[in-house]
């Protein structure tokens, strides 16, 4: 099997939940909403709304805000790349994989400005060989097409196998398996009863990187 490692971005290589809470505090302070609003925003986020436009429609209605949904969503997209961080040890782990002959890519859903901003500002753009963003390609995980694009940009083919690492049991694990890849699920406790068929289950991406190094 070829040394190919595809990684999800949010809550895999970076801690989006942590960054979201920081954003929620800023948002609540900016509108004078109070601490209870932060908990409400976090709970709404964890409810798993499929699209931020729907999320901000709920936010606007709940707090009776005059700003348009698109304005709220646009400010969120501009701000989040400045709040998300990638741990130095994760960057180092990716570098070690590449030094050992692995091709490493990011496969992520999301709007172009938001996701590309995160990848560039965290230093991940220089830490990987390629990336495939749904906002650019017009394909969303678990569609196999997005995995294929990332693989081709690494100079490889899905027929050669490889690994997909991510926190979503359907988009990452299901999509990765459909693409013919072995999978590592990062279980963050978000889906306690969700069935999956991952080859390995870990709680941190560093553990996943160590598995790859042992299987290389």
Foldseek 3Di string as FASTA:
>chain_A
DAQEEEEADDPAQWDLLQLVLVVLVVVCVVVVNDDVSSVVLSVLVLVPDPDQLVSLVVVCVVVVDPDDSVVVVVVCLVPSLVRIEGDPVSLVLLQVSVVVPHAYEYEYEDADSNVVSNCVSRVVVVSHQYYFYCNVVVDAFLPLVSVQVRQVSSVHGLVVEYEFEEADQGRTQVSQVVSVYAYEHQDCPSCVPDDHDHPYYHNHNVVVSVVSVVVD
